[in-house]
Amino acid sequence: MVVYFMSKTKSQEEYLGSLQMFFLISCIYNTLLRIYRGILVVDYLPMILLGAIGIILGSLIAKRLLKYIDENKMKKFIYIVIGISGLINVII
């Protein structure tokens, strides 16, 4: 999805916004499904809230740093991370 959105959006802001919306919808769907199936229970709530705080803080920091990041450098970084992830999957 990361590469797809990178090819379909015109700016960094549009790219990040589209990606965040996709993952928000995906997370809401998966969370509701896990609650329905009994996988996600109330005991996990403190860890979920801690994770949510981390996500919000990370998003706020990324939003402030975005104006300093060159679009081409960001694309190269994304491709490098995807490549490393692929290598790890092949090796493991």
PDB file of N, CA and C in Angstrom:
ATOM      1  N   MET A   1       0.823  -1.189   0.000  1.00  0.00           N
ATOM      2  CA  MET A   1       0.000   0.000   0.000  1.00  0.00           C
ATOM      3  C   MET A   1       0.868   1.254   0.000  1.00  0.00           C
ATOM      4  N   VAL A   2       2.011   1.158   0.667  1.00  0.00           N
ATOM      5  CA  VAL A   2       2.898   2.320   0.746  1.00  0.00           C
ATOM      6  C   VAL A   2       3.348   2.738  -0.645  1.00  0.00           C
ATOM      7  N   VAL A   3       3.778   1.773  -1.449  1.00  0.00           N
ATOM      8  CA  VAL A   3       4.245   2.080  -2.807  1.00  0.00           C
ATOM      9  C   VAL A   3       3.076   2.532  -3.673  1.00  0.00           C
ATOM     10  N   TYR A   4       1.918   1.921  -3.518  1.00  0.00           N
ATOM     11  CA  TYR A   4       0.741   2.322  -4.294  1.00  0.00           C
ATOM     12  C   TYR A   4       0.389   3.779  -4.022  1.00  0.00           C
ATOM     13  N   PHE A   5       0.296   4.150  -2.750  1.00  0.00           N
ATOM     14  CA  PHE A   5      -0.046   5.537  -2.422  1.00  0.00           C
ATOM     15  C   PHE A   5       1.042   6.505  -2.878  1.00  0.00           C
ATOM     16  N   MET A   6       2.293   6.047  -2.868  1.00  0.00           N
ATOM     17  CA  MET A   6       3.379   6.909  -3.315  1.00  0.00           C
ATOM     18  C   MET A   6       3.229   7.223  -4.807  1.00  0.00           C
ATOM     19  N   SER A   7       2.742   6.253  -5.578  1.00  0.00           N
ATOM     20  CA  SER A   7       2.593   6.478  -7.017  1.00  0.00           C
ATOM     21  C   SER A   7       1.318   7.248  -7.367  1.00  0.00           C
ATOM     22  N   LYS A   8       0.335   7.252  -6.496  1.00  0.00           N
ATOM     23  CA  LYS A   8      -0.958   7.871  -6.804  1.00  0.00           C
ATOM     24  C   LYS A   8      -1.158   9.264  -6.216  1.00  0.00           C
ATOM     25  N   THR A   9      -0.287   9.695  -5.326  1.00  0.00           N
ATOM     26  CA  THR A   9      -0.463  11.007  -4.704  1.00  0.00           C
ATOM     27  C   THR A   9       0.524  12.012  -5.284  1.00  0.00           C
ATOM     28  N   LYS A  10       0.179  13.282  -5.151  1.00  0.00           N
ATOM     29  CA  LYS A  10       0.972  14.348  -5.765  1.00  0.00           C
ATOM     30  C   LYS A  10       1.919  15.046  -4.795  1.00  0.00           C
ATOM     31  N   SER A  11       1.665  14.962  -3.505  1.00  0.00           N
ATOM     32  CA  SER A  11       2.503  15.672  -2.537  1.00  0.00           C
ATOM     33  C   SER A  11       2.726  14.793  -1.307  1.00  0.00           C
ATOM     34  N   GLN A  12       3.706  15.198  -0.498  1.00  0.00           N
ATOM     35  CA  GLN A  12       3.978  14.472   0.740  1.00  0.00           C
ATOM     36  C   GLN A  12       2.774  14.491   1.667  1.00  0.00           C
ATOM     37  N   GLU A  13       2.132  15.641   1.749  1.00  0.00           N
ATOM     38  CA  GLU A  13       0.985  15.766   2.648  1.00  0.00           C
ATOM     39  C   GLU A  13      -0.151  14.845   2.218  1.00  0.00           C
ATOM     40  N   GLU A  14      -0.426  14.812   0.914  1.00  0.00           N
ATOM     41  CA  GLU A  14      -1.483  13.943   0.391  1.00  0.00           C
ATOM     42  C   GLU A  14      -1.122  12.477   0.611  1.00  0.00           C
ATOM     43  N   TYR A  15       0.141  12.137   0.391  1.00  0.00           N
ATOM     44  CA  TYR A  15       0.621  10.771   0.586  1.00  0.00           C
ATOM     45  C   TYR A  15       0.438  10.338   2.039  1.00  0.00           C
ATOM     46  N   LEU A  16       0.942  11.147   2.962  1.00  0.00           N
ATOM     47  CA  LEU A  16       0.849  10.784   4.375  1.00  0.00           C
ATOM     48  C   LEU A  16      -0.596  10.758   4.868  1.00  0.00           C
ATOM     49  N   GLY A  17      -1.399  11.699   4.403  1.00  0.00           N
ATOM     50  CA  GLY A  17      -2.808  11.710   4.788  1.00  0.00           C
ATOM     51  C   GLY A  17      -3.546  10.476   4.288  1.00  0.00           C
ATOM     52  N   SER A  18      -3.297  10.099   3.043  1.00  0.00           N
ATOM     53  CA  SER A  18      -3.940   8.907   2.471  1.00  0.00           C
ATOM     54  C   SER A  18      -3.510   7.654   3.212  1.00  0.00           C
ATOM     55  N   LEU A  19      -2.223   7.565   3.496  1.00  0.00           N
ATOM     56  CA  LEU A  19      -1.704   6.403   4.205  1.00  0.00           C
ATOM     57  C   LEU A  19      -2.261   6.321   5.625  1.00  0.00           C
ATOM     58  N   GLN A  20      -2.334   7.453   6.305  1.00  0.00           N
ATOM     59  CA  GLN A  20      -2.882   7.463   7.661  1.00  0.00           C
ATOM     60  C   GLN A  20      -4.357   7.072   7.669  1.00  0.00           C
ATOM     61  N   MET A  21      -5.116   7.546   6.701  1.00  0.00           N
ATOM     62  CA  MET A  21      -6.538   7.189   6.633  1.00  0.00           C
ATOM     63  C   MET A  21      -6.707   5.699   6.348  1.00  0.00           C
ATOM     64  N   PHE A  22      -5.902   5.160   5.436  1.00  0.00           N
ATOM     65  CA  PHE A  22      -5.967   3.728   5.132  1.00  0.00           C
ATOM     66  C   PHE A  22      -5.699   2.900   6.389  1.00  0.00           C
ATOM     67  N   PHE A  23      -4.619   3.236   7.103  1.00  0.00           N
ATOM     68  CA  PHE A  23      -4.280   2.469   8.295  1.00  0.00           C
ATOM     69  C   PHE A  23      -5.286   2.685   9.423  1.00  0.00           C
ATOM     70  N   LEU A  24      -5.890   3.853   9.516  1.00  0.00           N
ATOM     71  CA  LEU A  24      -6.931   4.094  10.514  1.00  0.00           C
ATOM     72  C   LEU A  24      -8.126   3.176  10.265  1.00  0.00           C
ATOM     73  N   ILE A  25      -8.591   3.130   9.024  1.00  0.00           N
ATOM     74  CA  ILE A  25      -9.728   2.269   8.678  1.00  0.00           C
ATOM     75  C   ILE A  25      -9.376   0.808   8.919  1.00  0.00           C
ATOM     76  N   SER A  26      -8.176   0.409   8.514  1.00  0.00           N
ATOM     77  CA  SER A  26      -7.730  -0.967   8.699  1.00  0.00           C
ATOM     78  C   SER A  26      -7.652  -1.334  10.184  1.00  0.00           C
ATOM     79  N   CYS A  27      -7.118  -0.441  10.997  1.00  0.00           N
ATOM     80  CA  CYS A  27      -6.996  -0.710  12.437  1.00  0.00           C
ATOM     81  C   CYS A  27      -8.357  -0.781  13.119  1.00  0.00           C
ATOM     82  N   ILE A  28      -9.264   0.102  12.752  1.00  0.00           N
ATOM     83  CA  ILE A  28     -10.606   0.072  13.340  1.00  0.00           C
ATOM     84  C   ILE A  28     -11.297  -1.244  12.993  1.00  0.00           C
ATOM     85  N   TYR A  29     -11.217  -1.650  11.734  1.00  0.00           N
ATOM     86  CA  TYR A  29     -11.835  -2.903  11.304  1.00  0.00           C
ATOM     87  C   TYR A  29     -11.232  -4.092  12.058  1.00  0.00           C
ATOM     88  N   ASN A  30      -9.902  -4.163  12.105  1.00  0.00           N
ATOM     89  CA  ASN A  30      -9.239  -5.276  12.785  1.00  0.00           C
ATOM     90  C   ASN A  30      -9.533  -5.296  14.281  1.00  0.00           C
ATOM     91  N   THR A  31      -9.588  -4.133  14.895  1.00  0.00           N
ATOM     92  CA  THR A  31      -9.889  -4.060  16.326  1.00  0.00           C
ATOM     93  C   THR A  31     -11.299  -4.561  16.612  1.00  0.00           C
ATOM     94  N   LEU A  32     -12.266  -4.104  15.831  1.00  0.00           N
ATOM     95  CA  LEU A  32     -13.647  -4.561  16.024  1.00  0.00           C
ATOM     96  C   LEU A  32     -13.771  -6.061  15.801  1.00  0.00           C
ATOM     97  N   LEU A  33     -13.081  -6.576  14.805  1.00  0.00           N
ATOM     98  CA  LEU A  33     -13.109  -8.010  14.533  1.00  0.00           C
ATOM     99  C   LEU A  33     -12.496  -8.800  15.691  1.00  0.00           C
ATOM    100  N   ARG A  34     -11.407  -8.315  16.237  1.00  0.00           N
ATOM    101  CA  ARG A  34     -10.765  -9.004  17.365  1.00  0.00           C
ATOM    102  C   ARG A  34     -11.614  -8.941  18.625  1.00  0.00           C
ATOM    103  N   ILE A  35     -12.306  -7.841  18.841  1.00  0.00           N
ATOM    104  CA  ILE A  35     -13.226  -7.752  19.985  1.00  0.00           C
ATOM    105  C   ILE A  35     -14.366  -8.751  19.801  1.00  0.00           C
ATOM    106  N   TYR A  36     -14.924  -8.803  18.603  1.00  0.00           N
ATOM    107  CA  TYR A  36     -16.029  -9.710  18.309  1.00  0.00           C
ATOM    108  C   TYR A  36     -15.626 -11.168  18.526  1.00  0.00           C
ATOM    109  N   ARG A  37     -14.409 -11.525  18.140  1.00  0.00           N
ATOM    110  CA  ARG A  37     -13.950 -12.911  18.264  1.00  0.00           C
ATOM    111  C   ARG A  37     -13.384 -13.237  19.646  1.00  0.00           C
ATOM    112  N   GLY A  38     -13.341 -12.262  20.530  1.00  0.00           N
ATOM    113  CA  GLY A  38     -12.864 -12.501  21.884  1.00  0.00           C
ATOM    114  C   GLY A  38     -11.350 -12.506  22.027  1.00  0.00           C
ATOM    115  N   ILE A  39     -10.646 -12.086  20.997  1.00  0.00           N
ATOM    116  CA  ILE A  39      -9.183 -12.051  21.044  1.00  0.00           C
ATOM    117  C   ILE A  39      -8.705 -10.843  21.839  1.00  0.00           C
ATOM    118  N   LEU A  40      -9.403  -9.746  21.694  1.00  0.00           N
ATOM    119  CA  LEU A  40      -9.044  -8.498  22.365  1.00  0.00           C
ATOM    120  C   LEU A  40      -9.995  -8.296  23.541  1.00  0.00           C
ATOM    121  N   VAL A  41      -9.435  -8.326  24.741  1.00  0.00           N
ATOM    122  CA  VAL A  41     -10.252  -8.222  25.952  1.00  0.00           C
ATOM    123  C   VAL A  41      -9.877  -6.969  26.739  1.00  0.00           C
ATOM    124  N   VAL A  42     -10.674  -6.636  27.735  1.00  0.00           N
ATOM    125  CA  VAL A  42     -10.506  -5.417  28.530  1.00  0.00           C
ATOM    126  C   VAL A  42      -9.147  -5.386  29.232  1.00  0.00           C
ATOM    127  N   ASP A  43      -8.593  -6.544  29.552  1.00  0.00           N
ATOM    128  CA  ASP A  43      -7.299  -6.591  30.242  1.00  0.00           C
ATOM    129  C   ASP A  43      -6.187  -5.922  29.438  1.00  0.00           C
ATOM    130  N   TYR A  44      -6.337  -5.857  28.134  1.00  0.00           N
ATOM    131  CA  TYR A  44      -5.315  -5.260  27.266  1.00  0.00           C
ATOM    132  C   TYR A  44      -5.440  -3.742  27.143  1.00  0.00           C
ATOM    133  N   LEU A  45      -6.496  -3.166  27.713  1.00  0.00           N
ATOM    134  CA  LEU A  45      -6.775  -1.739  27.538  1.00  0.00           C
ATOM    135  C   LEU A  45      -5.620  -0.811  27.947  1.00  0.00           C
ATOM    136  N   PRO A  46      -4.943  -1.031  29.080  1.00  0.00           N
ATOM    137  CA  PRO A  46      -3.826  -0.131  29.419  1.00  0.00           C
ATOM    138  C   PRO A  46      -2.724  -0.114  28.353  1.00  0.00           C
ATOM    139  N   MET A  47      -2.382  -1.263  27.819  1.00  0.00           N
ATOM    140  CA  MET A  47      -1.348  -1.318  26.781  1.00  0.00           C
ATOM    141  C   MET A  47      -1.834  -0.677  25.483  1.00  0.00           C
ATOM    142  N   ILE A  48      -3.111  -0.850  25.182  1.00  0.00           N
ATOM    143  CA  ILE A  48      -3.679  -0.236  23.980  1.00  0.00           C
ATOM    144  C   ILE A  48      -3.636   1.284  24.095  1.00  0.00           C
ATOM    145  N   LEU A  49      -4.003   1.811  25.249  1.00  0.00           N
ATOM    146  CA  LEU A  49      -3.973   3.263  25.458  1.00  0.00           C
ATOM    147  C   LEU A  49      -2.550   3.806  25.383  1.00  0.00           C
ATOM    148  N   LEU A  50      -1.603   3.073  25.932  1.00  0.00           N
ATOM    149  CA  LEU A  50      -0.202   3.476  25.850  1.00  0.00           C
ATOM    150  C   LEU A  50       0.259   3.506  24.392  1.00  0.00           C
ATOM    151  N   GLY A  51      -0.113   2.493  23.635  1.00  0.00           N
ATOM    152  CA  GLY A  51       0.225   2.466  22.211  1.00  0.00           C
ATOM    153  C   GLY A  51      -0.426   3.604  21.449  1.00  0.00           C
ATOM    154  N   ALA A  52      -1.673   3.919  21.787  1.00  0.00           N
ATOM    155  CA  ALA A  52      -2.379   5.019  21.119  1.00  0.00           C
ATOM    156  C   ALA A  52      -1.691   6.351  21.390  1.00  0.00           C
ATOM    157  N   ILE A  53      -1.225   6.540  22.614  1.00  0.00           N
ATOM    158  CA  ILE A  53      -0.491   7.770  22.942  1.00  0.00           C
ATOM    159  C   ILE A  53       0.787   7.857  22.111  1.00  0.00           C
ATOM    160  N   GLY A  54       1.490   6.749  21.973  1.00  0.00           N
ATOM    161  CA  GLY A  54       2.699   6.717  21.156  1.00  0.00           C
ATOM    162  C   GLY A  54       2.421   7.040  19.699  1.00  0.00           C
ATOM    163  N   ILE A  55       1.335   6.513  19.173  1.00  0.00           N
ATOM    164  CA  ILE A  55       0.958   6.782  17.783  1.00  0.00           C
ATOM    165  C   ILE A  55       0.634   8.255  17.590  1.00  0.00           C
ATOM    166  N   ILE A  56      -0.120   8.822  18.506  1.00  0.00           N
ATOM    167  CA  ILE A  56      -0.486  10.244  18.398  1.00  0.00           C
ATOM    168  C   ILE A  56       0.751  11.131  18.488  1.00  0.00           C
ATOM    169  N   LEU A  57       1.629  10.853  19.443  1.00  0.00           N
ATOM    170  CA  LEU A  57       2.858  11.643  19.573  1.00  0.00           C
ATOM    171  C   LEU A  57       3.736  11.515  18.330  1.00  0.00           C
ATOM    172  N   GLY A  58       3.860  10.303  17.814  1.00  0.00           N
ATOM    173  CA  GLY A  58       4.644  10.090  16.600  1.00  0.00           C
ATOM    174  C   GLY A  58       4.083  10.845  15.415  1.00  0.00           C
ATOM    175  N   SER A  59       2.770  10.865  15.290  1.00  0.00           N
ATOM    176  CA  SER A  59       2.125  11.601  14.194  1.00  0.00           C
ATOM    177  C   SER A  59       2.355  13.103  14.318  1.00  0.00           C
ATOM    178  N   LEU A  60       2.268  13.621  15.537  1.00  0.00           N
ATOM    179  CA  LEU A  60       2.494  15.054  15.744  1.00  0.00           C
ATOM    180  C   LEU A  60       3.941  15.446  15.443  1.00  0.00           C
ATOM    181  N   ILE A  61       4.879  14.615  15.867  1.00  0.00           N
ATOM    182  CA  ILE A  61       6.291  14.887  15.585  1.00  0.00           C
ATOM    183  C   ILE A  61       6.558  14.811  14.087  1.00  0.00           C
ATOM    184  N   ALA A  62       6.005  13.791  13.430  1.00  0.00           N
ATOM    185  CA  ALA A  62       6.204  13.639  11.984  1.00  0.00           C
ATOM    186  C   ALA A  62       5.629  14.824  11.217  1.00  0.00           C
ATOM    187  N   LYS A  63       4.497  15.324  11.660  1.00  0.00           N
ATOM    188  CA  LYS A  63       3.875  16.471  10.989  1.00  0.00           C
ATOM    189  C   LYS A  63       4.781  17.697  11.053  1.00  0.00           C
ATOM    190  N   ARG A  64       5.436  17.897  12.186  1.00  0.00           N
ATOM    191  CA  ARG A  64       6.344  19.045  12.324  1.00  0.00           C
ATOM    192  C   ARG A  64       7.627  18.858  11.522  1.00  0.00           C
ATOM    193  N   LEU A  65       8.099  17.615  11.410  1.00  0.00           N
ATOM    194  CA  LEU A  65       9.339  17.350  10.684  1.00  0.00           C
ATOM    195  C   LEU A  65       9.148  17.316   9.173  1.00  0.00           C
ATOM    196  N   LEU A  66       7.925  17.150   8.730  1.00  0.00           N
ATOM    197  CA  LEU A  66       7.637  16.981   7.307  1.00  0.00           C
ATOM    198  C   LEU A  66       8.160  18.129   6.461  1.00  0.00           C
ATOM    199  N   LYS A  67       8.088  19.344   6.963  1.00  0.00           N
ATOM    200  CA  LYS A  67       8.516  20.497   6.167  1.00  0.00           C
ATOM    201  C   LYS A  67      10.027  20.521   5.950  1.00  0.00           C
ATOM    202  N   TYR A  68      10.781  19.764   6.737  1.00  0.00           N
ATOM    203  CA  TYR A  68      12.233  19.724   6.600  1.00  0.00           C
ATOM    204  C   TYR A  68      12.724  18.557   5.743  1.00  0.00           C
ATOM    205  N   ILE A  69      11.829  17.662   5.373  1.00  0.00           N
ATOM    206  CA  ILE A  69      12.212  16.455   4.642  1.00  0.00           C
ATOM    207  C   ILE A  69      11.955  16.641   3.157  1.00  0.00           C
ATOM    208  N   ASP A  70      12.996  16.431   2.370  1.00  0.00           N
ATOM    209  CA  ASP A  70      12.884  16.505   0.921  1.00  0.00           C
ATOM    210  C   ASP A  70      12.079  15.301   0.414  1.00  0.00           C
ATOM    211  N   GLU A  71      11.173  15.543  -0.530  1.00  0.00           N
ATOM    212  CA  GLU A  71      10.289  14.484  -1.027  1.00  0.00           C
ATOM    213  C   GLU A  71      11.075  13.334  -1.653  1.00  0.00           C
ATOM    214  N   ASN A  72      12.110  13.637  -2.429  1.00  0.00           N
ATOM    215  CA  ASN A  72      12.905  12.575  -3.061  1.00  0.00           C
ATOM    216  C   ASN A  72      13.661  11.750  -2.029  1.00  0.00           C
ATOM    217  N   LYS A  73      14.177  12.400  -0.992  1.00  0.00           N
ATOM    218  CA  LYS A  73      14.865  11.665   0.071  1.00  0.00           C
ATOM    219  C   LYS A  73      13.894  10.755   0.812  1.00  0.00           C
ATOM    220  N   MET A  74      12.664  11.229   1.011  1.00  0.00           N
ATOM    221  CA  MET A  74      11.662  10.419   1.685  1.00  0.00           C
ATOM    222  C   MET A  74      11.344   9.171   0.860  1.00  0.00           C
ATOM    223  N   LYS A  75      11.204   9.339  -0.458  1.00  0.00           N
ATOM    224  CA  LYS A  75      10.921   8.191  -1.324  1.00  0.00           C
ATOM    225  C   LYS A  75      12.061   7.183  -1.281  1.00  0.00           C
ATOM    226  N   LYS A  76      13.304   7.666  -1.344  1.00  0.00           N
ATOM    227  CA  LYS A  76      14.456   6.760  -1.269  1.00  0.00           C
ATOM    228  C   LYS A  76      14.468   6.011   0.057  1.00  0.00           C
ATOM    229  N   PHE A  77      14.192   6.723   1.138  1.00  0.00           N
ATOM    230  CA  PHE A  77      14.157   6.097   2.456  1.00  0.00           C
ATOM    231  C   PHE A  77      13.081   5.013   2.514  1.00  0.00           C
ATOM    232  N   ILE A  78      11.913   5.295   1.955  1.00  0.00           N
ATOM    233  CA  ILE A  78      10.817   4.317   1.945  1.00  0.00           C
ATOM    234  C   ILE A  78      11.221   3.069   1.174  1.00  0.00           C
ATOM    235  N   TYR A  79      11.837   3.251   0.004  1.00  0.00           N
ATOM    236  CA  TYR A  79      12.284   2.103  -0.787  1.00  0.00           C
ATOM    237  C   TYR A  79      13.354   1.297  -0.049  1.00  0.00           C
ATOM    238  N   ILE A  80      14.253   1.971   0.647  1.00  0.00           N
ATOM    239  CA  ILE A  80      15.290   1.270   1.408  1.00  0.00           C
ATOM    240  C   ILE A  80      14.658   0.435   2.518  1.00  0.00           C
ATOM    241  N   VAL A  81      13.708   1.011   3.249  1.00  0.00           N
ATOM    242  CA  VAL A  81      13.041   0.276   4.334  1.00  0.00           C
ATOM    243  C   VAL A  81      12.268  -0.920   3.780  1.00  0.00           C
ATOM    244  N   ILE A  82      11.587  -0.739   2.651  1.00  0.00           N
ATOM    245  CA  ILE A  82      10.859  -1.852   2.031  1.00  0.00           C
ATOM    246  C   ILE A  82      11.835  -2.940   1.594  1.00  0.00           C
ATOM    247  N   GLY A  83      12.972  -2.539   1.024  1.00  0.00           N
ATOM    248  CA  GLY A  83      13.988  -3.509   0.607  1.00  0.00           C
ATOM    249  C   GLY A  83      14.550  -4.296   1.776  1.00  0.00           C
ATOM    250  N   ILE A  84      14.869  -3.610   2.857  1.00  0.00           N
ATOM    251  CA  ILE A  84      15.384  -4.287   4.053  1.00  0.00           C
ATOM    252  C   ILE A  84      14.336  -5.246   4.609  1.00  0.00           C
ATOM    253  N   SER A  85      13.089  -4.813   4.638  1.00  0.00           N
ATOM    254  CA  SER A  85      12.002  -5.676   5.113  1.00  0.00           C
ATOM    255  C   SER A  85      11.880  -6.925   4.242  1.00  0.00           C
ATOM    256  N   GLY A  86      11.989  -6.744   2.936  1.00  0.00           N
ATOM    257  CA  GLY A  86      11.936  -7.886   2.024  1.00  0.00           C
ATOM    258  C   GLY A  86      13.080  -8.856   2.252  1.00  0.00           C
ATOM    259  N   LEU A  87      14.288  -8.326   2.440  1.00  0.00           N
ATOM    260  CA  LEU A  87      15.443  -9.188   2.715  1.00  0.00           C
ATOM    261  C   LEU A  87      15.262  -9.969   4.007  1.00  0.00           C
ATOM    262  N   ILE A  88      14.777  -9.309   5.027  1.00  0.00           N
ATOM    263  CA  ILE A  88      14.546  -9.993   6.302  1.00  0.00           C
ATOM    264  C   ILE A  88      13.526 -11.111   6.127  1.00  0.00           C
ATOM    265  N   ASN A  89      12.468 -10.863   5.361  1.00  0.00           N
ATOM    266  CA  ASN A  89      11.457 -11.899   5.119  1.00  0.00           C
ATOM    267  C   ASN A  89      12.027 -13.075   4.342  1.00  0.00           C
ATOM    268  N   VAL A  90      12.919 -12.814   3.392  1.00  0.00           N
ATOM    269  CA  VAL A  90      13.526 -13.897   2.614  1.00  0.00           C
ATOM    270  C   VAL A  90      14.476 -14.709   3.490  1.00  0.00           C
ATOM    271  N   ILE A  91      15.255 -14.028   4.310  1.00  0.00           N
ATOM    272  CA  ILE A  91      16.240 -14.705   5.157  1.00  0.00           C
ATOM    273  C   ILE A  91      15.568 -15.527   6.249  1.00  0.00           C
ATOM    274  N   ILE A  92      14.550 -14.959   6.862  1.00  0.00           N
ATOM    275  CA  ILE A  92      13.873 -15.654   7.966  1.00  0.00           C
ATOM    276  C   ILE A  92      12.826 -16.545   7.372  1.00  0.00           C
TER     277      ILE A  92
END
